Amino acid sequence: LIWGGRKKELRSKKTVLTLQLLAEHGLIEQDLATRLTYHYWKLRHLEHRLQMVEDQQTHTFPDDDQALE
C-alpha cells in the first residue's frame, strides 16, 4: 500500500499483476512474487470450491473434518 501511494504505476486491482510489478521494480524478489502468486491461485481455487458446495459466497472453512474433506 505504501509503495502504491508513492508509485502510481504500482496501483492495480489485480493481485497477480501487482506482485509482478513489485518484483519488476525491485521491491520484492522475483522468487517471492512467484511463490505468492502460486499460493494466491491455490487459495482462490479453494475459495471457489467452498462457494460451490453451498452455492453461496463464503470465506469460512467447514468446522468438521468430513465437511472439509
Protein backbone atom coordinates (compact mmCIF):
# COMPACT_ATOMS: atom_id res chain seq x y z
CA LEU A 1 0.00 0.00 0.00
CA ILE A 2 2.81 2.38 0.83
CA TRP A 3 4.64 1.70 -2.43
CA GLY A 4 1.39 2.15 -4.38
CA GLY A 5 0.98 5.52 -2.74
CA ARG A 6 4.44 6.52 -3.81
CA LYS A 7 4.50 4.95 -7.28
CA LYS A 8 1.34 5.31 -9.34
CA GLU A 9 2.45 2.58 -11.76
CA LEU A 10 2.13 0.00 -8.94
CA ARG A 11 -1.58 0.68 -8.43
CA SER A 12 -3.70 -2.15 -9.76
CA LYS A 13 -6.80 -4.03 -8.67
CA LYS A 14 -5.19 -7.24 -9.95
CA THR A 15 -3.18 -9.02 -7.26
CA VAL A 16 -1.03 -11.11 -9.59
CA LEU A 17 -0.17 -8.13 -11.78
CA THR A 18 0.74 -6.08 -8.72
CA LEU A 19 3.02 -8.82 -7.40
CA GLN A 20 4.82 -8.91 -10.75
CA LEU A 21 5.13 -5.12 -10.81
CA LEU A 22 6.61 -5.13 -7.30
CA ALA A 23 9.24 -7.61 -8.48
CA GLU A 24 9.97 -5.64 -11.66
CA HIS A 25 10.56 -2.52 -9.58
CA GLY A 26 12.91 -4.41 -7.28
CA LEU A 27 10.66 -4.03 -4.24
CA ILE A 28 10.33 -7.78 -3.70
CA GLU A 29 12.37 -10.68 -5.05
CA GLN A 30 11.04 -12.40 -8.19
CA ASP A 31 11.05 -15.72 -6.32
CA LEU A 32 8.77 -14.24 -3.66
CA ALA A 33 6.41 -12.83 -6.29
CA THR A 34 6.27 -16.26 -7.95
CA ARG A 35 5.58 -18.07 -4.67
CA LEU A 36 2.94 -15.56 -3.57
CA THR A 37 1.25 -15.83 -6.97
CA TYR A 38 1.17 -19.62 -6.73
CA HIS A 39 -0.38 -19.54 -3.26
CA TYR A 40 -2.80 -16.80 -4.26
CA TRP A 41 -4.19 -19.02 -7.03
CA LYS A 42 -4.34 -22.04 -4.70
CA LEU A 43 -6.41 -20.03 -2.19
CA ARG A 44 -8.68 -18.65 -4.92
CA HIS A 45 -9.26 -22.19 -6.19
CA LEU A 46 -10.15 -23.30 -2.67
CA GLU A 47 -12.42 -20.28 -2.21
CA HIS A 48 -14.33 -21.17 -5.37
CA ARG A 49 -14.73 -24.78 -4.25
CA LEU A 50 -16.09 -23.68 -0.88
CA GLN A 51 -18.60 -21.44 -2.59
CA MET A 52 -19.73 -24.21 -4.93
CA VAL A 53 -20.69 -26.50 -2.03
CA GLU A 54 -23.49 -24.30 -0.70
CA ASP A 55 -23.96 -22.28 -3.89
CA GLN A 56 -23.30 -19.08 -1.98
CA GLN A 57 -20.45 -16.72 -1.27
CA THR A 58 -18.41 -17.73 1.76
CA HIS A 59 -14.90 -17.31 3.09
CA THR A 60 -15.25 -19.72 6.00
CA PHE A 61 -13.82 -23.23 6.20
CA PRO A 62 -16.13 -26.01 7.43
CA ASP A 63 -15.70 -26.85 11.13
CA ASP A 64 -15.66 -30.63 10.90
CA ASP A 65 -13.17 -32.85 9.06
CA GLN A 66 -15.77 -34.65 6.95
CA ALA A 67 -17.21 -31.41 5.56
CA LEU A 68 -13.73 -30.06 4.96
CA GLU A 69 -12.75 -33.18 3.05
